[in-house]
Amino acid sequence: TFDGKHPCPICKAIAAGKKSEKKKDFSPQL
């Protein structure tokens, strides 16, 4: 279960969802 070599379809969907989320780089404009 926890070795990471045998992901289930839910784990694959979660990984794809995390990857598709866009992380905004916060750069304050002075």
mmCIF file of all heavy atoms, coordinates in Angstrom:
data_MODEL
# 
_entry.id   MODEL 
# 
loop_
_atom_site.group_PDB 
_atom_site.id 
_atom_site.type_symbol 
_atom_site.label_atom_id 
_atom_site.label_alt_id 
_atom_site.label_comp_id 
_atom_site.label_asym_id 
_atom_site.label_entity_id 
_atom_site.label_seq_id 
_atom_site.pdbx_PDB_ins_code 
_atom_site.Cartn_x 
_atom_site.Cartn_y 
_atom_site.Cartn_z 
_atom_site.occupancy 
_atom_site.B_iso_or_equiv 
_atom_site.pdbx_formal_charge 
_atom_site.auth_seq_id 
_atom_site.auth_comp_id 
_atom_site.auth_asym_id 
_atom_site.auth_atom_id 
_atom_site.pdbx_PDB_model_num 
ATOM 1   N N   . THR A 1 1  ? 0.825   -1.208 0.000   1.00 0.00 ? 1  THR A N   1 
ATOM 2   C CA  . THR A 1 1  ? 0.000   0.000  0.000   1.00 0.00 ? 1  THR A CA  1 
ATOM 3   C C   . THR A 1 1  ? 0.861   1.261  0.000   1.00 0.00 ? 1  THR A C   1 
ATOM 4   O O   . THR A 1 1  ? 0.588   2.213  -0.731  1.00 0.00 ? 1  THR A O   1 
ATOM 5   C CB  . THR A 1 1  ? -0.929  0.013  1.226   1.00 0.00 ? 1  THR A CB  1 
ATOM 6   O OG1 . THR A 1 1  ? -1.774  -1.127 1.170   1.00 0.00 ? 1  THR A OG1 1 
ATOM 7   C CG2 . THR A 1 1  ? -1.775  1.271  1.264   1.00 0.00 ? 1  THR A CG2 1 
ATOM 8   N N   . PHE A 1 2  ? 1.919   1.274  0.822   1.00 0.00 ? 2  PHE A N   1 
ATOM 9   C CA  . PHE A 1 2  ? 2.666   2.515  1.029   1.00 0.00 ? 2  PHE A CA  1 
ATOM 10  C C   . PHE A 1 2  ? 4.012   2.577  0.320   1.00 0.00 ? 2  PHE A C   1 
ATOM 11  O O   . PHE A 1 2  ? 4.764   3.512  0.528   1.00 0.00 ? 2  PHE A O   1 
ATOM 12  C CB  . PHE A 1 2  ? 2.869   2.741  2.536   1.00 0.00 ? 2  PHE A CB  1 
ATOM 13  C CG  . PHE A 1 2  ? 1.569   2.929  3.273   1.00 0.00 ? 2  PHE A CG  1 
ATOM 14  C CD1 . PHE A 1 2  ? 1.082   1.949  4.119   1.00 0.00 ? 2  PHE A CD1 1 
ATOM 15  C CD2 . PHE A 1 2  ? 0.830   4.086  3.101   1.00 0.00 ? 2  PHE A CD2 1 
ATOM 16  C CE1 . PHE A 1 2  ? -0.112  2.124  4.796   1.00 0.00 ? 2  PHE A CE1 1 
ATOM 17  C CE2 . PHE A 1 2  ? -0.364  4.268  3.769   1.00 0.00 ? 2  PHE A CE2 1 
ATOM 18  C CZ  . PHE A 1 2  ? -0.831  3.276  4.617   1.00 0.00 ? 2  PHE A CZ  1 
ATOM 19  N N   . ASP A 1 3  ? 4.344   1.610  -0.526  1.00 0.00 ? 3  ASP A N   1 
ATOM 20  C CA  . ASP A 1 3  ? 5.650   1.656  -1.182  1.00 0.00 ? 3  ASP A CA  1 
ATOM 21  C C   . ASP A 1 3  ? 5.699   2.637  -2.347  1.00 0.00 ? 3  ASP A C   1 
ATOM 22  O O   . ASP A 1 3  ? 6.765   3.048  -2.772  1.00 0.00 ? 3  ASP A O   1 
ATOM 23  C CB  . ASP A 1 3  ? 6.081   0.260  -1.633  1.00 0.00 ? 3  ASP A CB  1 
ATOM 24  C CG  . ASP A 1 3  ? 5.209   -0.318 -2.738  1.00 0.00 ? 3  ASP A CG  1 
ATOM 25  O OD1 . ASP A 1 3  ? 4.219   0.320  -3.137  1.00 0.00 ? 3  ASP A OD1 1 
ATOM 26  O OD2 . ASP A 1 3  ? 5.526   -1.439 -3.203  1.00 0.00 ? 3  ASP A OD2 1 
ATOM 27  N N   . GLY A 1 4  ? 4.555   3.023  -2.894  1.00 0.00 ? 4  GLY A N   1 
ATOM 28  C CA  . GLY A 1 4  ? 4.529   3.985  -3.991  1.00 0.00 ? 4  GLY A CA  1 
ATOM 29  C C   . GLY A 1 4  ? 4.724   3.354  -5.359  1.00 0.00 ? 4  GLY A C   1 
ATOM 30  O O   . GLY A 1 4  ? 4.631   4.041  -6.381  1.00 0.00 ? 4  GLY A O   1 
ATOM 31  N N   . LYS A 1 5  ? 4.989   2.068  -5.417  1.00 0.00 ? 5  LYS A N   1 
ATOM 32  C CA  . LYS A 1 5  ? 5.199   1.388  -6.697  1.00 0.00 ? 5  LYS A CA  1 
ATOM 33  C C   . LYS A 1 5  ? 3.913   0.825  -7.274  1.00 0.00 ? 5  LYS A C   1 
ATOM 34  O O   . LYS A 1 5  ? 3.860   0.478  -8.448  1.00 0.00 ? 5  LYS A O   1 
ATOM 35  C CB  . LYS A 1 5  ? 6.199   0.235  -6.509  1.00 0.00 ? 5  LYS A CB  1 
ATOM 36  C CG  . LYS A 1 5  ? 7.567   0.702  -6.091  1.00 0.00 ? 5  LYS A CG  1 
ATOM 37  C CD  . LYS A 1 5  ? 8.467   -0.477 -5.824  1.00 0.00 ? 5  LYS A CD  1 
ATOM 38  C CE  . LYS A 1 5  ? 9.813   -0.011 -5.280  1.00 0.00 ? 5  LYS A CE  1 
ATOM 39  N NZ  . LYS A 1 5  ? 10.653  -1.140 -4.864  1.00 0.00 ? 5  LYS A NZ  1 
ATOM 40  N N   . HIS A 1 6  ? 2.884   0.720  -6.460  1.00 0.00 ? 6  HIS A N   1 
ATOM 41  C CA  . HIS A 1 6  ? 1.617   0.135  -6.892  1.00 0.00 ? 6  HIS A CA  1 
ATOM 42  C C   . HIS A 1 6  ? 0.463   1.096  -6.620  1.00 0.00 ? 6  HIS A C   1 
ATOM 43  O O   . HIS A 1 6  ? -0.402  0.807  -5.792  1.00 0.00 ? 6  HIS A O   1 
ATOM 44  C CB  . HIS A 1 6  ? 1.367   -1.185 -6.159  1.00 0.00 ? 6  HIS A CB  1 
ATOM 45  C CG  . HIS A 1 6  ? 2.494   -2.152 -6.234  1.00 0.00 ? 6  HIS A CG  1 
ATOM 46  N ND1 . HIS A 1 6  ? 3.474   -2.215 -5.284  1.00 0.00 ? 6  HIS A ND1 1 
ATOM 47  C CD2 . HIS A 1 6  ? 2.807   -3.072 -7.174  1.00 0.00 ? 6  HIS A CD2 1 
ATOM 48  C CE1 . HIS A 1 6  ? 4.336   -3.147 -5.613  1.00 0.00 ? 6  HIS A CE1 1 
ATOM 49  N NE2 . HIS A 1 6  ? 3.966   -3.681 -6.764  1.00 0.00 ? 6  HIS A NE2 1 
ATOM 50  N N   . PRO A 1 7  ? 0.403   2.258  -7.292  1.00 0.00 ? 7  PRO A N   1 
ATOM 51  C CA  . PRO A 1 7  ? -0.681  3.211  -7.004  1.00 0.00 ? 7  PRO A CA  1 
ATOM 52  C C   . PRO A 1 7  ? -2.013  2.723  -7.578  1.00 0.00 ? 7  PRO A C   1 
ATOM 53  O O   . PRO A 1 7  ? -2.065  2.099  -8.640  1.00 0.00 ? 7  PRO A O   1 
ATOM 54  C CB  . PRO A 1 7  ? -0.219  4.494  -7.694  1.00 0.00 ? 7  PRO A CB  1 
ATOM 55  C CG  . PRO A 1 7  ? 0.669   4.022  -8.793  1.00 0.00 ? 7  PRO A CG  1 
ATOM 56  C CD  . PRO A 1 7  ? 1.321   2.762  -8.307  1.00 0.00 ? 7  PRO A CD  1 
ATOM 57  N N   . CYS A 1 8  ? -3.049  3.025  -6.856  1.00 0.00 ? 8  CYS A N   1 
ATOM 58  C CA  . CYS A 1 8  ? -4.393  2.686  -7.315  1.00 0.00 ? 8  CYS A CA  1 
ATOM 59  C C   . CYS A 1 8  ? -4.905  3.817  -8.222  1.00 0.00 ? 8  CYS A C   1 
ATOM 60  O O   . CYS A 1 8  ? -4.285  4.869  -8.323  1.00 0.00 ? 8  CYS A O   1 
ATOM 61  C CB  . CYS A 1 8  ? -5.317  2.492  -6.117  1.00 0.00 ? 8  CYS A CB  1 
ATOM 62  S SG  . CYS A 1 8  ? -5.679  3.998  -5.201  1.00 0.00 ? 8  CYS A SG  1 
ATOM 63  N N   . PRO A 1 9  ? -6.041  3.620  -8.876  1.00 0.00 ? 9  PRO A N   1 
ATOM 64  C CA  . PRO A 1 9  ? -6.576  4.690  -9.743  1.00 0.00 ? 9  PRO A CA  1 
ATOM 65  C C   . PRO A 1 9  ? -6.880  5.988  -8.977  1.00 0.00 ? 9  PRO A C   1 
ATOM 66  O O   . PRO A 1 9  ? -6.707  7.078  -9.517  1.00 0.00 ? 9  PRO A O   1 
ATOM 67  C CB  . PRO A 1 9  ? -7.865  4.084  -10.301 1.00 0.00 ? 9  PRO A CB  1 
ATOM 68  C CG  . PRO A 1 9  ? -7.681  2.611  -10.196 1.00 0.00 ? 9  PRO A CG  1 
ATOM 69  C CD  . PRO A 1 9  ? -6.794  2.384  -9.016  1.00 0.00 ? 9  PRO A CD  1 
ATOM 70  N N   . ILE A 1 10 ? -7.303  5.856  -7.722  1.00 0.00 ? 10 ILE A N   1 
ATOM 71  C CA  . ILE A 1 10 ? -7.580  7.060  -6.931  1.00 0.00 ? 10 ILE A CA  1 
ATOM 72  C C   . ILE A 1 10 ? -6.282  7.829  -6.683  1.00 0.00 ? 10 ILE A C   1 
ATOM 73  O O   . ILE A 1 10 ? -6.236  9.053  -6.791  1.00 0.00 ? 10 ILE A O   1 
ATOM 74  C CB  . ILE A 1 10 ? -8.269  6.706  -5.599  1.00 0.00 ? 10 ILE A CB  1 
ATOM 75  C CG1 . ILE A 1 10 ? -9.600  6.008  -5.853  1.00 0.00 ? 10 ILE A CG1 1 
ATOM 76  C CG2 . ILE A 1 10 ? -8.504  7.956  -4.761  1.00 0.00 ? 10 ILE A CG2 1 
ATOM 77  C CD1 . ILE A 1 10 ? -10.270 5.484  -4.592  1.00 0.00 ? 10 ILE A CD1 1 
ATOM 78  N N   . CYS A 1 11 ? -5.193  7.095  -6.369  1.00 0.00 ? 11 CYS A N   1 
ATOM 79  C CA  . CYS A 1 11 ? -3.895  7.750  -6.131  1.00 0.00 ? 11 CYS A CA  1 
ATOM 80  C C   . CYS A 1 11 ? -3.409  8.460  -7.379  1.00 0.00 ? 11 CYS A C   1 
ATOM 81  O O   . CYS A 1 11 ? -2.847  9.556  -7.313  1.00 0.00 ? 11 CYS A O   1 
ATOM 82  C CB  . CYS A 1 11 ? -2.862  6.727  -5.675  1.00 0.00 ? 11 CYS A CB  1 
ATOM 83  S SG  . CYS A 1 11 ? -3.175  6.048  -4.039  1.00 0.00 ? 11 CYS A SG  1 
ATOM 84  N N   . LYS A 1 12 ? -3.614  7.835  -8.526  1.00 0.00 ? 12 LYS A N   1 
ATOM 85  C CA  . LYS A 1 12 ? -3.208  8.465  -9.796  1.00 0.00 ? 12 LYS A CA  1 
ATOM 86  C C   . LYS A 1 12 ? -4.021  9.734  -10.056 1.00 0.00 ? 12 LYS A C   1 
ATOM 87  O O   . LYS A 1 12 ? -3.485  10.743 -10.512 1.00 0.00 ? 12 LYS A O   1 
ATOM 88  C CB  . LYS A 1 12 ? -3.375  7.480  -10.940 1.00 0.00 ? 12 LYS A CB  1 
ATOM 89  C CG  . LYS A 1 12 ? -2.393  6.326  -10.888 1.00 0.00 ? 12 LYS A CG  1 
ATOM 90  C CD  . LYS A 1 12 ? -2.661  5.330  -12.001 1.00 0.00 ? 12 LYS A CD  1 
ATOM 91  C CE  . LYS A 1 12 ? -1.721  4.138  -11.876 1.00 0.00 ? 12 LYS A CE  1 
ATOM 92  N NZ  . LYS A 1 12 ? -2.009  3.104  -12.882 1.00 0.00 ? 12 LYS A NZ  1 
ATOM 93  N N   . ALA A 1 13 ? -5.322  9.681  -9.759  1.00 0.00 ? 13 ALA A N   1 
ATOM 94  C CA  . ALA A 1 13 ? -6.171  10.860 -9.952  1.00 0.00 ? 13 ALA A CA  1 
ATOM 95  C C   . ALA A 1 13 ? -5.772  11.978 -9.002  1.00 0.00 ? 13 ALA A C   1 
ATOM 96  O O   . ALA A 1 13 ? -5.769  13.166 -9.382  1.00 0.00 ? 13 ALA A O   1 
ATOM 97  C CB  . ALA A 1 13 ? -7.637  10.483 -9.752  1.00 0.00 ? 13 ALA A CB  1 
ATOM 98  N N   . ILE A 1 14 ? -5.409  11.621 -7.771  1.00 0.00 ? 14 ILE A N   1 
ATOM 99  C CA  . ILE A 1 14 ? -4.984  12.633 -6.801  1.00 0.00 ? 14 ILE A CA  1 
ATOM 100 C C   . ILE A 1 14 ? -3.689  13.282 -7.260  1.00 0.00 ? 14 ILE A C   1 
ATOM 101 O O   . ILE A 1 14 ? -3.530  14.507 -7.197  1.00 0.00 ? 14 ILE A O   1 
ATOM 102 C CB  . ILE A 1 14 ? -4.832  12.008 -5.399  1.00 0.00 ? 14 ILE A CB  1 
ATOM 103 C CG1 . ILE A 1 14 ? -6.201  11.616 -4.852  1.00 0.00 ? 14 ILE A CG1 1 
ATOM 104 C CG2 . ILE A 1 14 ? -4.145  12.970 -4.443  1.00 0.00 ? 14 ILE A CG2 1 
ATOM 105 C CD1 . ILE A 1 14 ? -6.137  10.766 -3.602  1.00 0.00 ? 14 ILE A CD1 1 
ATOM 106 N N   . ALA A 1 15 ? -2.736  12.479 -7.731  1.00 0.00 ? 15 ALA A N   1 
ATOM 107 C CA  . ALA A 1 15 ? -1.465  13.021 -8.213  1.00 0.00 ? 15 ALA A CA  1 
ATOM 108 C C   . ALA A 1 15 ? -1.691  13.950 -9.405  1.00 0.00 ? 15 ALA A C   1 
ATOM 109 O O   . ALA A 1 15 ? -1.080  15.023 -9.494  1.00 0.00 ? 15 ALA A O   1 
ATOM 110 C CB  . ALA A 1 15 ? -0.520  11.891 -8.587  1.00 0.00 ? 15 ALA A CB  1 
ATOM 111 N N   . ALA A 1 16 ? -2.578  13.558 -10.323 1.00 0.00 ? 16 ALA A N   1 
ATOM 112 C CA  . ALA A 1 16 ? -2.877  14.412 -11.473 1.00 0.00 ? 16 ALA A CA  1 
ATOM 113 C C   . ALA A 1 16 ? -3.563  15.704 -11.030 1.00 0.00 ? 16 ALA A C   1 
ATOM 114 O O   . ALA A 1 16 ? -3.278  16.782 -11.560 1.00 0.00 ? 16 ALA A O   1 
ATOM 115 C CB  . ALA A 1 16 ? -3.758  13.656 -12.460 1.00 0.00 ? 16 ALA A CB  1 
ATOM 116 N N   . GLY A 1 17 ? -4.459  15.608 -10.043 1.00 0.00 ? 17 GLY A N   1 
ATOM 117 C CA  . GLY A 1 17 ? -5.150  16.799 -9.534  1.00 0.00 ? 17 GLY A CA  1 
ATOM 118 C C   . GLY A 1 17 ? -4.202  17.765 -8.859  1.00 0.00 ? 17 GLY A C   1 
ATOM 119 O O   . GLY A 1 17 ? -4.288  18.982 -9.038  1.00 0.00 ? 17 GLY A O   1 
ATOM 120 N N   . LYS A 1 18 ? -3.269  17.221 -8.081  1.00 0.00 ? 18 LYS A N   1 
ATOM 121 C CA  . LYS A 1 18 ? -2.288  18.089 -7.422  1.00 0.00 ? 18 LYS A CA  1 
ATOM 122 C C   . LYS A 1 18 ? -1.400  18.772 -8.444  1.00 0.00 ? 18 LYS A C   1 
ATOM 123 O O   . LYS A 1 18 ? -1.040  19.937 -8.301  1.00 0.00 ? 18 LYS A O   1 
ATOM 124 C CB  . LYS A 1 18 ? -1.418  17.276 -6.461  1.00 0.00 ? 18 LYS A CB  1 
ATOM 125 C CG  . LYS A 1 18 ? -2.077  16.921 -5.165  1.00 0.00 ? 18 LYS A CG  1 
ATOM 126 C CD  . LYS A 1 18 ? -1.084  16.174 -4.294  1.00 0.00 ? 18 LYS A CD  1 
ATOM 127 C CE  . LYS A 1 18 ? -1.647  15.806 -2.958  1.00 0.00 ? 18 LYS A CE  1 
ATOM 128 N NZ  . LYS A 1 18 ? -0.689  15.072 -2.130  1.00 0.00 ? 18 LYS A NZ  1 
ATOM 129 N N   . LYS A 1 19 ? -1.040  18.026 -9.483  1.00 0.00 ? 19 LYS A N   1 
ATOM 130 C CA  . LYS A 1 19 ? -0.154  18.582 -10.507 1.00 0.00 ? 19 LYS A CA  1 
ATOM 131 C C   . LYS A 1 19 ? -0.861  19.665 -11.325 1.00 0.00 ? 19 LYS A C   1 
ATOM 132 O O   . LYS A 1 19 ? -0.249  20.643 -11.737 1.00 0.00 ? 19 LYS A O   1 
ATOM 133 C CB  . LYS A 1 19 ? 0.329   17.468 -11.437 1.00 0.00 ? 19 LYS A CB  1 
ATOM 134 C CG  . LYS A 1 19 ? 1.483   17.871 -12.324 1.00 0.00 ? 19 LYS A CG  1 
ATOM 135 C CD  . LYS A 1 19 ? 1.939   16.719 -13.194 1.00 0.00 ? 19 LYS A CD  1 
ATOM 136 C CE  . LYS A 1 19 ? 2.738   15.744 -12.354 1.00 0.00 ? 19 LYS A CE  1 
ATOM 137 N NZ  . LYS A 1 19 ? 3.362   14.687 -13.181 1.00 0.00 ? 19 LYS A NZ  1 
ATOM 138 N N   . SER A 1 20 ? -2.181  19.475 -11.554 1.00 0.00 ? 20 SER A N   1 
ATOM 139 C CA  . SER A 1 20 ? -2.916  20.432 -12.379 1.00 0.00 ? 20 SER A CA  1 
ATOM 140 C C   . SER A 1 20 ? -3.230  21.729 -11.636 1.00 0.00 ? 20 SER A C   1 
ATOM 141 O O   . SER A 1 20 ? -3.527  22.743 -12.271 1.00 0.00 ? 20 SER A O   1 
ATOM 142 C CB  . SER A 1 20 ? -4.212  19.811 -12.882 1.00 0.00 ? 20 SER A CB  1 
ATOM 143 O OG  . SER A 1 20 ? -5.115  19.634 -11.814 1.00 0.00 ? 20 SER A OG  1 
ATOM 144 N N   . GLU A 1 21 ? -3.211  21.669 -10.302 1.00 0.00 ? 21 GLU A N   1 
ATOM 145 C CA  . GLU A 1 21 ? -3.441  22.900 -9.548  1.00 0.00 ? 21 GLU A CA  1 
ATOM 146 C C   . GLU A 1 21 ? -2.313  23.871 -9.821  1.00 0.00 ? 21 GLU A C   1 
ATOM 147 O O   . GLU A 1 21 ? -1.142  23.521 -9.767  1.00 0.00 ? 21 GLU A O   1 
ATOM 148 C CB  . GLU A 1 21 ? -3.494  22.614 -8.044  1.00 0.00 ? 21 GLU A CB  1 
ATOM 149 C CG  . GLU A 1 21 ? -4.837  22.221 -7.549  1.00 0.00 ? 21 GLU A CG  1 
ATOM 150 C CD  . GLU A 1 21 ? -4.870  22.139 -6.034  1.00 0.00 ? 21 GLU A CD  1 
ATOM 151 O OE1 . GLU A 1 21 ? -3.810  22.204 -5.389  1.00 0.00 ? 21 GLU A OE1 1 
ATOM 152 O OE2 . GLU A 1 21 ? -5.972  22.004 -5.502  1.00 0.00 ? 21 GLU A OE2 1 
ATOM 153 N N   . LYS A 1 22 ? -2.672  25.065 -10.117 1.00 0.00 ? 22 LYS A N   1 
ATOM 154 C CA  . LYS A 1 22 ? -1.652  26.084 -10.356 1.00 0.00 ? 22 LYS A CA  1 
ATOM 155 C C   . LYS A 1 22 ? -1.320  26.765 -9.046  1.00 0.00 ? 22 LYS A C   1 
ATOM 156 O O   . LYS A 1 22 ? -2.183  27.322 -8.402  1.00 0.00 ? 22 LYS A O   1 
ATOM 157 C CB  . LYS A 1 22 ? -2.141  27.103 -11.380 1.00 0.00 ? 22 LYS A CB  1 
ATOM 158 C CG  . LYS A 1 22 ? -2.312  26.536 -12.759 1.00 0.00 ? 22 LYS A CG  1 
ATOM 159 C CD  . LYS A 1 22 ? -2.733  27.599 -13.737 1.00 0.00 ? 22 LYS A CD  1 
ATOM 160 C CE  . LYS A 1 22 ? -2.888  27.007 -15.112 1.00 0.00 ? 22 LYS A CE  1 
ATOM 161 N NZ  . LYS A 1 22 ? -3.329  28.002 -16.080 1.00 0.00 ? 22 LYS A NZ  1 
ATOM 162 N N   . LYS A 1 23 ? -0.075  26.716 -8.694  1.00 0.00 ? 23 LYS A N   1 
ATOM 163 C CA  . LYS A 1 23 ? 0.384   27.413 -7.495  1.00 0.00 ? 23 LYS A CA  1 
ATOM 164 C C   . LYS A 1 23 ? 0.830   28.803 -7.918  1.00 0.00 ? 23 LYS A C   1 
ATOM 165 O O   . LYS A 1 23 ? 1.685   28.961 -8.771  1.00 0.00 ? 23 LYS A O   1 
ATOM 166 C CB  . LYS A 1 23 ? 1.554   26.659 -6.858  1.00 0.00 ? 23 LYS A CB  1 
ATOM 167 C CG  . LYS A 1 23 ? 1.201   25.264 -6.459  1.00 0.00 ? 23 LYS A CG  1 
ATOM 168 C CD  . LYS A 1 23 ? 1.125   25.180 -4.991  1.00 0.00 ? 23 LYS A CD  1 
ATOM 169 C CE  . LYS A 1 23 ? 0.797   23.739 -4.631  1.00 0.00 ? 23 LYS A CE  1 
ATOM 170 N NZ  . LYS A 1 23 ? 0.663   23.524 -3.275  1.00 0.00 ? 23 LYS A NZ  1 
ATOM 171 N N   . LYS A 1 24 ? 0.242   29.782 -7.311  1.00 0.00 ? 24 LYS A N   1 
ATOM 172 C CA  . LYS A 1 24 ? 0.639   31.156 -7.617  1.00 0.00 ? 24 LYS A CA  1 
ATOM 173 C C   . LYS A 1 24 ? 1.887   31.494 -6.837  1.00 0.00 ? 24 LYS A C   1 
ATOM 174 O O   . LYS A 1 24 ? 1.964   31.271 -5.645  1.00 0.00 ? 24 LYS A O   1 
ATOM 175 C CB  . LYS A 1 24 ? -0.467  32.138 -7.245  1.00 0.00 ? 24 LYS A CB  1 
ATOM 176 C CG  . LYS A 1 24 ? -1.591  32.185 -8.212  1.00 0.00 ? 24 LYS A CG  1 
ATOM 177 C CD  . LYS A 1 24 ? -2.509  33.343 -7.875  1.00 0.00 ? 24 LYS A CD  1 
ATOM 178 C CE  . LYS A 1 24 ? -3.545  33.536 -8.947  1.00 0.00 ? 24 LYS A CE  1 
ATOM 179 N NZ  . LYS A 1 24 ? -4.387  34.683 -8.670  1.00 0.00 ? 24 LYS A NZ  1 
ATOM 180 N N   . ASP A 1 25 ? 2.843   32.026 -7.533  1.00 0.00 ? 25 ASP A N   1 
ATOM 181 C CA  . ASP A 1 25 ? 4.030   32.534 -6.864  1.00 0.00 ? 25 ASP A CA  1 
ATOM 182 C C   . ASP A 1 25 ? 3.705   33.930 -6.380  1.00 0.00 ? 25 ASP A C   1 
ATOM 183 O O   . ASP A 1 25 ? 3.411   34.823 -7.175  1.00 0.00 ? 25 ASP A O   1 
ATOM 184 C CB  . ASP A 1 25 ? 5.231   32.573 -7.813  1.00 0.00 ? 25 ASP A CB  1 
ATOM 185 C CG  . ASP A 1 25 ? 5.695   31.174 -8.178  1.00 0.00 ? 25 ASP A CG  1 
ATOM 186 O OD1 . ASP A 1 25 ? 5.464   30.265 -7.371  1.00 0.00 ? 25 ASP A OD1 1 
ATOM 187 O OD2 . ASP A 1 25 ? 6.275   31.014 -9.260  1.00 0.00 ? 25 ASP A OD2 1 
ATOM 188 N N   . PHE A 1 26 ? 3.740   34.094 -5.104  1.00 0.00 ? 26 PHE A N   1 
ATOM 189 C CA  . PHE A 1 26 ? 3.411   35.391 -4.527  1.00 0.00 ? 26 PHE A CA  1 
ATOM 190 C C   . PHE A 1 26 ? 4.616   36.296 -4.625  1.00 0.00 ? 26 PHE A C   1 
ATOM 191 O O   . PHE A 1 26 ? 5.651   36.043 -4.036  1.00 0.00 ? 26 PHE A O   1 
ATOM 192 C CB  . PHE A 1 26 ? 2.985   35.235 -3.065  1.00 0.00 ? 26 PHE A CB  1 
ATOM 193 C CG  . PHE A 1 26 ? 2.604   36.530 -2.427  1.00 0.00 ? 26 PHE A CG  1 
ATOM 194 C CD1 . PHE A 1 26 ? 1.442   37.177 -2.781  1.00 0.00 ? 26 PHE A CD1 1 
ATOM 195 C CD2 . PHE A 1 26 ? 3.422   37.129 -1.484  1.00 0.00 ? 26 PHE A CD2 1 
ATOM 196 C CE1 . PHE A 1 26 ? 1.084   38.377 -2.191  1.00 0.00 ? 26 PHE A CE1 1 
ATOM 197 C CE2 . PHE A 1 26 ? 3.081   38.326 -0.904  1.00 0.00 ? 26 PHE A CE2 1 
ATOM 198 C CZ  . PHE A 1 26 ? 1.907   38.945 -1.262  1.00 0.00 ? 26 PHE A CZ  1 
ATOM 199 N N   . SER A 1 27 ? 4.477   37.311 -5.419  1.00 0.00 ? 27 SER A N   1 
ATOM 200 C CA  . SER A 1 27 ? 5.542   38.299 -5.533  1.00 0.00 ? 27 SER A CA  1 
ATOM 201 C C   . SER A 1 27 ? 4.924   39.669 -5.279  1.00 0.00 ? 27 SER A C   1 
ATOM 202 O O   . SER A 1 27 ? 4.232   40.220 -6.129  1.00 0.00 ? 27 SER A O   1 
ATOM 203 C CB  . SER A 1 27 ? 6.183   38.254 -6.928  1.00 0.00 ? 27 SER A CB  1 
ATOM 204 O OG  . SER A 1 27 ? 5.213   38.473 -7.921  1.00 0.00 ? 27 SER A OG  1 
ATOM 205 N N   . PRO A 1 28 ? 5.130   40.179 -4.106  1.00 0.00 ? 28 PRO A N   1 
ATOM 206 C CA  . PRO A 1 28 ? 4.521   41.471 -3.791  1.00 0.00 ? 28 PRO A CA  1 
ATOM 207 C C   . PRO A 1 28 ? 5.116   42.577 -4.648  1.00 0.00 ? 28 PRO A C   1 
ATOM 208 O O   . PRO A 1 28 ? 6.319   42.640 -4.869  1.00 0.00 ? 28 PRO A O   1 
ATOM 209 C CB  . PRO A 1 28 ? 4.848   41.670 -2.319  1.00 0.00 ? 28 PRO A CB  1 
ATOM 210 C CG  . PRO A 1 28 ? 6.071   40.868 -2.089  1.00 0.00 ? 28 PRO A CG  1 
ATOM 211 C CD  . PRO A 1 28 ? 5.973   39.694 -3.036  1.00 0.00 ? 28 PRO A CD  1 
ATOM 212 N N   . GLN A 1 29 ? 4.258   43.394 -5.151  1.00 0.00 ? 29 GLN A N   1 
ATOM 213 C CA  . GLN A 1 29 ? 4.717   44.523 -5.954  1.00 0.00 ? 29 GLN A CA  1 
ATOM 214 C C   . GLN A 1 29 ? 4.758   45.741 -5.041  1.00 0.00 ? 29 GLN A C   1 
ATOM 215 O O   . GLN A 1 29 ? 3.735   46.190 -4.540  1.00 0.00 ? 29 GLN A O   1 
ATOM 216 C CB  . GLN A 1 29 ? 3.780   44.755 -7.125  1.00 0.00 ? 29 GLN A CB  1 
ATOM 217 C CG  . GLN A 1 29 ? 3.772   43.590 -8.103  1.00 0.00 ? 29 GLN A CG  1 
ATOM 218 C CD  . GLN A 1 29 ? 2.822   43.852 -9.254  1.00 0.00 ? 29 GLN A CD  1 
ATOM 219 O OE1 . GLN A 1 29 ? 2.127   44.849 -9.292  1.00 0.00 ? 29 GLN A OE1 1 
ATOM 220 N NE2 . GLN A 1 29 ? 2.789   42.928 -10.190 1.00 0.00 ? 29 GLN A NE2 1 
ATOM 221 N N   . LEU A 1 30 ? 5.935   46.233 -4.843  1.00 0.00 ? 30 LEU A N   1 
ATOM 222 C CA  . LEU A 1 30 ? 6.101   47.390 -3.977  1.00 0.00 ? 30 LEU A CA  1 
ATOM 223 C C   . LEU A 1 30 ? 5.733   48.649 -4.742  1.00 0.00 ? 30 LEU A C   1 
ATOM 224 O O   . LEU A 1 30 ? 6.130   48.840 -5.885  1.00 0.00 ? 30 LEU A O   1 
ATOM 225 C CB  . LEU A 1 30 ? 7.538   47.472 -3.475  1.00 0.00 ? 30 LEU A CB  1 
ATOM 226 C CG  . LEU A 1 30 ? 8.014   46.262 -2.675  1.00 0.00 ? 30 LEU A CG  1 
ATOM 227 C CD1 . LEU A 1 30 ? 9.483   46.436 -2.319  1.00 0.00 ? 30 LEU A CD1 1 
ATOM 228 C CD2 . LEU A 1 30 ? 7.191   46.109 -1.414  1.00 0.00 ? 30 LEU A CD2 1 
# 
